[in-house]
Amino acid sequence: MRIALFATCIVDAMYPATARATVKILERLGHEVVFPSGQACCGQMHVNSGYLKEAVPVVANHVAAFDTADYDVAVAPSGSCVASVKHQHPMVARSCGDTALEARATAVGAKTYELSELLVDVLGVTDAGAQLGSYFPHRVTYHPSCHGMRLLRLGDRQSRLLRTVQGIELADLPEADQCCGFGGTFSMKNADVSSAMLQDKADNVRSTGAELCTGGDASCLMHIGGGLSREGSPVTTLHLAEILASTMAEQASVAGEVRVSTGKATR
């Protein structure tokens, strides 16, 4: 299968290892990964802040980048950005009366998947250890992001994949369905409320005794990781893709660094 990578702004700018991990996973399964060069921001921040008119050219750019590329499906390691492409892009086009753009946006959205959704529903991955060689010998807790739960309805796809990683110890996160407080511009416009929500999330993460917190959205992990770091916690964050890409020979550490072993696994 030919798969187009939608890297997303935050991953491209701040967490490129997550994009590389996504490519590794897909190539390990025997698929070809392509990168539509015209892609940029999906416009989620514009839409969430009510700037629909300003979002139109941003949405049009994304559609142009992906509806002219030669691929079977597109994937992004971000539930929130995929939710924007699937749900917000047609709405933005409709708001400006551009029926042609709406149809193109709907078609692009139908071919775009969040990483765990693609792995489980399309590529048939049910055992990450057996099918991907995933190995991550650490105690981990998992935060399901709001967009993944509520807009994409990912259910337990991400946690099911995590539970099949060799060596992992997955600790349940108390009040896992509660928002971490990031919410894009919400965290800037409502800083005090966001900080209070983050404190609750950080307290729950620490209560699990996990070495790190994982999830499917880099933005949520950045927010949670920042809060933990500021209070001096040794707990870090790492994207789901990097855990799935980790193997015995090439392990991702709790700090997100890759260490290559010479004959045996290292910690």
Protein backbone atom coordinates (compact mmCIF):
# COMPACT_ATOMS: atom_id res chain seq x y z
CA MET A 1 0.00 0.00 0.00
CA ARG A 2 1.14 3.57 -0.75
CA ILE A 3 0.60 5.70 2.37
CA ALA A 4 0.85 9.50 2.54
CA LEU A 5 2.30 10.92 5.75
CA PHE A 6 0.52 13.97 7.17
CA ALA A 7 3.20 15.02 9.63
CA THR A 8 1.29 17.90 11.34
CA CYS A 9 2.83 21.19 12.42
CA ILE A 10 3.81 20.33 15.98
CA VAL A 11 5.34 16.98 15.07
CA ASP A 12 7.26 18.45 12.15
CA ALA A 13 8.57 21.41 14.16
CA MET A 14 9.10 19.91 17.63
CA TYR A 15 8.82 16.11 17.59
CA PRO A 16 10.31 14.88 14.29
CA ALA A 17 11.22 11.57 15.96
CA THR A 18 7.49 10.83 16.11
CA ALA A 19 7.17 11.26 12.34
CA ARG A 20 10.23 9.08 11.75
CA ALA A 21 8.78 6.42 14.06
CA THR A 22 5.53 6.46 12.10
CA VAL A 23 7.44 5.88 8.87
CA LYS A 24 9.47 3.06 10.46
CA ILE A 25 6.31 1.27 11.60
CA LEU A 26 4.66 1.45 8.20
CA GLU A 27 7.78 0.44 6.28
CA ARG A 28 8.30 -2.45 8.70
CA LEU A 29 4.89 -3.70 7.59
CA GLY A 30 6.00 -3.52 3.96
CA HIS A 31 4.25 -0.32 2.88
CA GLU A 32 5.61 2.62 0.90
CA VAL A 33 5.42 6.01 2.62
CA VAL A 34 5.25 9.25 0.62
CA PHE A 35 5.28 12.85 1.82
CA PRO A 36 3.07 15.37 -0.03
CA SER A 37 5.38 18.37 -0.12
CA GLY A 38 2.71 21.07 -0.17
CA GLN A 39 1.33 20.23 3.27
CA ALA A 40 1.42 22.76 6.10
CA CYS A 41 -0.95 23.63 8.97
CA CYS A 42 -4.39 22.00 8.91
CA GLY A 43 -6.02 25.15 10.31
CA GLN A 44 -7.32 23.58 13.51
CA MET A 45 -6.31 26.56 15.66
CA HIS A 46 -8.10 28.98 13.34
CA VAL A 47 -11.32 26.96 13.44
CA ASN A 48 -11.24 26.34 17.19
CA SER A 49 -10.85 30.09 17.76
CA GLY A 50 -13.76 30.94 15.45
CA TYR A 51 -11.74 32.30 12.52
CA LEU A 52 -13.52 30.35 9.78
CA LYS A 53 -12.87 32.88 7.03
CA GLU A 54 -9.16 32.93 7.81
CA ALA A 55 -9.12 29.13 7.84
CA VAL A 56 -10.36 28.81 4.24
CA PRO A 57 -6.98 29.24 2.49
CA VAL A 58 -5.32 26.96 5.05
CA VAL A 59 -7.87 24.23 4.42
CA ALA A 60 -7.60 24.76 0.66
CA ASN A 61 -3.83 24.32 0.87
CA HIS A 62 -4.17 21.03 2.75
CA VAL A 63 -6.75 19.74 0.30
CA ALA A 64 -4.59 20.73 -2.68
CA ALA A 65 -1.58 18.96 -1.18
CA PHE A 66 -3.43 15.72 -0.53
CA ASP A 67 -5.99 15.39 -3.31
CA THR A 68 -3.33 15.68 -6.01
CA ALA A 69 -0.86 13.21 -4.45
CA ASP A 70 -0.71 9.57 -5.55
CA TYR A 71 -1.53 7.43 -2.49
CA ASP A 72 -4.05 4.96 -1.14
CA VAL A 73 -4.56 6.36 2.37
CA ALA A 74 -3.07 9.14 4.48
CA VAL A 75 -2.01 8.86 8.11
CA ALA A 76 -1.12 11.29 10.89
CA PRO A 77 0.26 10.59 14.38
CA SER A 78 -2.32 13.04 15.79
CA GLY A 79 -5.95 12.50 16.64
CA SER A 80 -6.72 16.22 16.82
CA CYS A 81 -5.34 17.01 13.36
CA VAL A 82 -7.10 14.05 11.78
CA ALA A 83 -10.31 15.14 13.47
CA SER A 84 -9.82 18.59 11.96
CA VAL A 85 -9.31 17.15 8.47
CA LYS A 86 -12.32 14.87 8.73
CA HIS A 87 -14.80 17.12 10.55
CA GLN A 88 -13.67 20.75 10.32
CA HIS A 89 -12.43 21.01 6.75
CA PRO A 90 -15.78 20.27 5.05
CA MET A 91 -17.46 22.64 7.52
CA VAL A 92 -15.02 25.45 6.72
CA ALA A 93 -15.59 25.01 2.97
CA ARG A 94 -19.35 24.94 3.51
CA SER A 95 -19.22 28.13 5.61
CA CYS A 96 -17.81 30.08 2.66
CA GLY A 97 -20.16 28.49 0.13
CA ASP A 98 -17.43 26.64 -1.77
CA THR A 99 -19.18 23.38 -2.67
CA ALA A 100 -16.27 22.16 -4.80
CA LEU A 101 -13.80 22.59 -1.94
CA GLU A 102 -16.26 20.90 0.42
CA ALA A 103 -16.45 17.84 -1.83
CA ARG A 104 -12.67 17.67 -2.20
CA ALA A 105 -12.17 18.11 1.56
CA THR A 106 -14.67 15.35 2.31
CA ALA A 107 -12.85 13.00 -0.07
CA VAL A 108 -9.46 13.76 1.51
CA GLY A 109 -10.90 13.30 4.99
CA ALA A 110 -12.35 9.91 4.08
CA LYS A 111 -8.85 8.68 3.17
CA THR A 112 -7.13 10.13 6.27
CA TYR A 113 -6.54 8.03 9.38
CA GLU A 114 -5.05 8.47 12.83
CA LEU A 115 -2.11 6.09 13.30
CA SER A 116 -3.73 3.51 15.60
CA GLU A 117 -6.91 3.60 13.51
CA LEU A 118 -4.91 2.81 10.38
CA LEU A 119 -2.90 0.06 12.05
CA VAL A 120 -5.88 -1.70 13.60
CA ASP A 121 -8.73 -1.10 11.14
CA VAL A 122 -6.91 -1.04 7.80
CA LEU A 123 -3.61 -2.87 8.21
CA GLY A 124 -4.86 -5.54 10.62
CA VAL A 125 -2.30 -5.08 13.40
CA THR A 126 -3.55 -6.80 16.55
CA ASP A 127 -0.24 -7.74 18.20
CA ALA A 128 2.45 -5.05 18.13
CA GLY A 129 5.07 -7.34 19.59
CA ALA A 130 4.54 -10.09 17.04
CA GLN A 131 3.77 -8.00 13.96
CA LEU A 132 5.97 -4.93 14.54
CA GLY A 133 8.64 -6.33 16.85
CA SER A 134 7.68 -3.65 19.39
CA TYR A 135 9.68 -3.90 22.62
CA PHE A 136 9.65 -1.33 25.42
CA PRO A 137 10.56 -2.66 28.89
CA HIS A 138 9.15 0.18 31.01
CA ARG A 139 6.18 0.97 33.24
CA VAL A 140 3.95 3.26 31.19
CA THR A 141 0.61 5.00 31.68
CA TYR A 142 -1.62 6.15 28.84
CA HIS A 143 -3.57 9.38 28.29
CA PRO A 144 -6.30 9.19 25.61
CA SER A 145 -6.71 12.61 24.03
CA CYS A 146 -10.09 14.31 23.81
CA HIS A 147 -10.24 14.44 20.00
CA GLY A 148 -9.34 10.76 19.75
CA MET A 149 -12.04 9.75 22.20
CA ARG A 150 -14.83 12.13 21.29
CA LEU A 151 -14.51 13.02 17.61
CA LEU A 152 -12.67 10.04 16.11
CA ARG A 153 -14.13 7.52 18.59
CA LEU A 154 -10.88 5.56 18.69
CA GLY A 155 -12.06 3.61 21.70
CA ASP A 156 -9.36 1.30 23.03
CA ARG A 157 -7.36 0.94 19.78
CA GLN A 158 -4.30 2.72 21.17
CA SER A 159 -4.33 0.95 24.53
CA ARG A 160 -4.86 -2.44 22.86
CA LEU A 161 -1.74 -1.90 20.76
CA LEU A 162 0.23 -0.79 23.82
CA ARG A 163 -0.76 -3.88 25.81
CA THR A 164 0.76 -6.12 23.13
CA VAL A 165 4.18 -4.42 23.17
CA GLN A 166 6.80 -6.83 24.50
CA GLY A 167 8.19 -5.97 27.92
CA ILE A 168 5.78 -3.12 28.66
CA GLU A 169 3.91 -2.71 31.94
CA LEU A 170 0.83 -0.60 31.27
CA ALA A 171 -0.60 1.11 34.34
CA ASP A 172 -4.17 2.40 34.22
CA LEU A 173 -4.42 6.19 34.53
CA PRO A 174 -7.03 7.41 37.04
CA GLU A 175 -9.65 9.70 35.43
CA ALA A 176 -8.05 8.96 32.05
CA ASP A 177 -11.01 10.41 30.16
CA GLN A 178 -10.52 13.86 31.68
CA CYS A 179 -8.98 16.58 29.48
CA CYS A 180 -5.37 17.52 30.21
CA GLY A 181 -6.20 21.22 29.78
CA PHE A 182 -4.25 21.95 26.62
CA GLY A 183 -6.96 22.39 24.00
CA GLY A 184 -4.77 24.44 21.66
CA THR A 185 -5.47 28.15 22.20
CA PHE A 186 -7.64 27.27 25.22
CA SER A 187 -4.49 26.91 27.31
CA MET A 188 -3.48 30.48 26.44
CA LYS A 189 -6.90 32.12 26.62
CA ASN A 190 -7.86 30.32 29.83
CA ALA A 191 -4.46 29.81 31.42
CA ASP A 192 -5.64 29.46 35.02
CA VAL A 193 -8.29 26.86 34.20
CA SER A 194 -5.85 25.03 31.93
CA SER A 195 -3.21 24.95 34.67
CA ALA A 196 -5.69 23.54 37.18
CA MET A 197 -6.72 20.80 34.75
CA LEU A 198 -3.07 20.05 34.04
CA GLN A 199 -2.33 19.73 37.76
CA ASP A 200 -5.07 17.10 38.12
CA LYS A 201 -3.68 15.20 35.15
CA ALA A 202 -0.08 15.38 36.40
CA ASP A 203 -1.15 14.19 39.86
CA ASN A 204 -2.92 11.20 38.32
CA VAL A 205 0.07 10.38 36.09
CA ARG A 206 2.44 10.40 39.07
CA SER A 207 0.06 8.25 41.14
CA THR A 208 0.52 5.34 38.71
CA GLY A 209 4.24 5.01 39.45
CA ALA A 210 4.90 5.00 35.70
CA GLU A 211 8.21 6.08 34.19
CA LEU A 212 6.42 7.90 31.43
CA CYS A 213 3.05 8.88 30.03
CA THR A 214 2.20 8.09 26.42
CA GLY A 215 -0.61 9.01 24.07
CA GLY A 216 -1.45 9.71 20.45
CA ASP A 217 -1.22 13.51 20.40
CA ALA A 218 2.07 15.37 20.68
CA SER A 219 0.29 18.53 21.84
CA CYS A 220 -1.25 16.83 24.87
CA LEU A 221 2.04 15.11 25.70
CA MET A 222 3.89 18.44 25.42
CA HIS A 223 1.43 20.01 27.86
CA ILE A 224 1.56 17.11 30.33
CA GLY A 225 5.32 16.76 30.03
CA GLY A 226 5.82 20.46 30.60
CA GLY A 227 3.75 20.37 33.76
CA LEU A 228 5.62 17.35 35.12
CA SER A 229 8.98 18.92 34.30
CA ARG A 230 8.17 22.20 36.01
CA GLU A 231 7.36 20.40 39.25
CA GLY A 232 10.61 18.45 39.08
CA SER A 233 9.06 15.06 38.36
CA PRO A 234 11.26 12.41 36.71
CA VAL A 235 8.23 11.20 34.73
CA THR A 236 8.50 12.03 31.03
CA THR A 237 6.24 11.68 27.98
CA LEU A 238 6.67 9.77 24.73
CA HIS A 239 4.38 9.41 21.73
CA LEU A 240 2.67 6.09 21.05
CA ALA A 241 4.42 5.85 17.65
CA GLU A 242 7.85 5.88 19.26
CA ILE A 243 6.92 3.06 21.63
CA LEU A 244 5.53 0.96 18.76
CA ALA A 245 8.67 1.62 16.70
CA SER A 246 10.95 0.61 19.57
CA THR A 247 12.55 -2.85 19.22
CA MET A 248 15.06 -4.93 21.15
CA ALA A 249 17.80 -3.88 18.73
CA GLU A 250 16.77 -0.23 18.57
CA GLN A 251 15.11 0.86 21.79
CA ALA A 252 13.46 4.18 22.49
CA SER A 253 14.30 5.33 26.00
CA VAL A 254 12.01 7.10 28.43
CA ALA A 255 13.67 10.31 27.24
CA GLY A 256 12.79 9.53 23.64
CA GLU A 257 16.35 8.74 22.61
CA VAL A 258 17.17 5.70 20.50
CA ARG A 259 19.87 3.30 21.63
CA VAL A 260 21.16 0.58 19.33
CA SER A 261 22.21 -2.61 21.02
CA THR A 262 25.01 -4.89 19.89
CA GLY A 263 23.59 -8.35 20.29
CA LYS A 264 21.39 -7.91 23.35
CA ALA A 265 18.78 -5.54 24.65
CA THR A 266 19.94 -2.56 26.70
CA ARG A 267 18.08 -0.37 29.19
